[in-house]
Amino acid sequence: MNSNEEKLDYAQQARKLSAELEAFAEQQKALQMEFLKQKIEQVENMQEEQSVEEKIWSQMMDLWQALDTAKPQDRNESARRYAVTVTEFQKVMGYFYTFVMQECSLEFRPEEKK
């Protein structure tokens, strides 16, 4: 082989390796994109999934807020009945949180009352 043939052979090998490298890079990029899509989907599913206990707790919080909002502002018998009901409901929430939520080993941060 003369030097021109060798140069041509090296150039062909270089083009072939370059094409293989580009194909490999494209495959790697596609695999990374698929992996990221799967991870994003997993995170979204985790955020959407709530346990039964979490759903009940959320509903209890909503009911507590509704009772507090509905309580009459003036001092009368109706306001007193609402106040007693809210207090008793808070006890129920305390029992539920203590005996059900903590038993499930859920990480939970109570929301601030609005």
Protein backbone atom coordinates (compact mmCIF):
# COMPACT_ATOMS: atom_id res chain seq x y z
CA MET A 1 0.00 0.00 0.00
CA ASN A 2 1.31 3.41 -0.84
CA SER A 3 0.88 6.47 1.31
CA ASN A 4 -2.15 7.80 -0.65
CA GLU A 5 -3.97 4.50 -0.25
CA GLU A 6 -3.15 4.48 3.46
CA LYS A 7 -4.46 8.04 3.84
CA LEU A 8 -7.64 7.07 1.98
CA ASP A 9 -8.02 3.97 4.16
CA TYR A 10 -7.54 6.05 7.36
CA ALA A 11 -10.03 8.65 6.12
CA GLN A 12 -12.62 5.94 5.42
CA GLN A 13 -12.06 4.41 8.84
CA ALA A 14 -12.33 7.84 10.46
CA ARG A 15 -15.64 8.55 8.64
CA LYS A 16 -16.94 5.12 9.63
CA LEU A 17 -15.97 5.64 13.28
CA SER A 18 -17.42 9.13 13.22
CA ALA A 19 -20.74 7.82 11.88
CA GLU A 20 -20.79 5.05 14.50
CA LEU A 21 -20.03 7.58 17.22
CA GLU A 22 -22.87 9.84 16.04
CA ALA A 23 -25.27 6.90 15.97
CA PHE A 24 -24.18 5.89 19.46
CA ALA A 25 -24.64 9.46 20.72
CA GLU A 26 -28.15 9.57 19.25
CA GLN A 27 -29.01 6.25 20.92
CA GLN A 28 -27.65 7.50 24.22
CA LYS A 29 -29.63 10.73 23.93
CA ALA A 30 -32.82 8.79 23.15
CA LEU A 31 -32.26 6.50 26.14
CA GLN A 32 -31.63 9.47 28.43
CA MET A 33 -34.83 11.15 27.23
CA GLU A 34 -36.83 7.97 27.83
CA PHE A 35 -35.30 7.59 31.29
CA LEU A 36 -36.16 11.21 32.17
CA LYS A 37 -39.73 10.76 30.91
CA GLN A 38 -40.14 7.69 33.09
CA LYS A 39 -38.73 9.47 36.16
CA ILE A 40 -41.01 12.48 35.62
CA GLU A 41 -44.00 10.13 35.27
CA GLN A 42 -43.03 8.33 38.50
CA VAL A 43 -42.78 11.62 40.40
CA GLU A 44 -46.13 12.81 39.03
CA ASN A 45 -47.78 9.51 39.98
CA MET A 46 -46.34 9.71 43.49
CA GLN A 47 -47.70 13.22 43.89
CA GLU A 48 -51.14 12.17 42.65
CA GLU A 49 -51.36 9.07 44.83
CA GLN A 50 -52.80 9.71 48.26
CA SER A 51 -53.53 7.07 50.78
CA VAL A 52 -57.07 6.62 52.07
CA GLU A 53 -55.96 8.11 55.37
CA GLU A 54 -54.54 11.20 53.67
CA LYS A 55 -57.78 11.70 51.74
CA ILE A 56 -59.85 11.39 54.93
CA TRP A 57 -57.54 13.81 56.75
CA SER A 58 -57.85 16.31 53.92
CA GLN A 59 -61.65 16.02 54.04
CA MET A 60 -61.59 16.45 57.81
CA MET A 61 -59.53 19.64 57.42
CA ASP A 62 -62.02 20.93 54.84
CA LEU A 63 -64.95 20.18 57.14
CA TRP A 64 -63.25 21.89 60.08
CA GLN A 65 -62.72 25.00 57.96
CA ALA A 66 -66.33 24.90 56.75
CA LEU A 67 -67.66 24.63 60.31
CA ASP A 68 -65.48 27.49 61.47
CA THR A 69 -66.55 29.65 58.52
CA ALA A 70 -70.25 28.85 59.06
CA LYS A 71 -70.15 29.67 62.79
CA PRO A 72 -72.13 32.84 63.49
CA GLN A 73 -70.00 35.78 64.63
CA ASP A 74 -72.42 37.19 67.18
CA ARG A 75 -72.72 35.66 70.64
CA ASN A 76 -75.87 33.60 70.62
CA GLU A 77 -77.02 30.02 71.18
CA SER A 78 -76.29 29.03 67.56
CA ALA A 79 -72.70 30.32 67.81
CA ARG A 80 -72.23 28.40 71.06
CA ARG A 81 -73.51 25.18 69.43
CA TYR A 82 -71.11 25.65 66.54
CA ALA A 83 -68.25 26.29 68.97
CA VAL A 84 -69.02 23.08 70.88
CA THR A 85 -69.33 21.13 67.61
CA VAL A 86 -65.99 22.50 66.35
CA THR A 87 -64.31 21.59 69.65
CA GLU A 88 -65.68 18.04 69.55
CA PHE A 89 -64.71 17.70 65.90
CA GLN A 90 -61.17 18.82 66.77
CA LYS A 91 -61.07 16.00 69.31
CA VAL A 92 -62.14 13.54 66.60
CA MET A 93 -59.39 14.90 64.37
CA GLY A 94 -56.88 14.45 67.19
CA TYR A 95 -57.93 10.83 67.71
CA PHE A 96 -57.81 10.13 63.99
CA TYR A 97 -54.38 11.69 63.65
CA THR A 98 -53.00 9.93 66.73
CA PHE A 99 -54.46 6.46 66.19
CA VAL A 100 -54.68 6.25 62.40
CA MET A 101 -52.32 8.68 60.71
CA GLN A 102 -49.33 8.05 62.97
CA GLU A 103 -50.00 4.32 62.97
CA CYS A 104 -49.61 4.37 59.18
CA SER A 105 -46.18 5.98 59.58
CA LEU A 106 -47.14 8.78 57.22
CA GLU A 107 -45.09 11.91 57.12
CA PHE A 108 -47.66 14.60 57.63
CA ARG A 109 -47.47 18.29 58.32
CA PRO A 110 -50.81 19.74 59.39
CA GLU A 111 -51.96 22.58 57.20
CA GLU A 112 -52.53 26.00 58.66
CA LYS A 113 -56.17 26.84 59.19
CA LYS A 114 -57.27 29.44 56.67
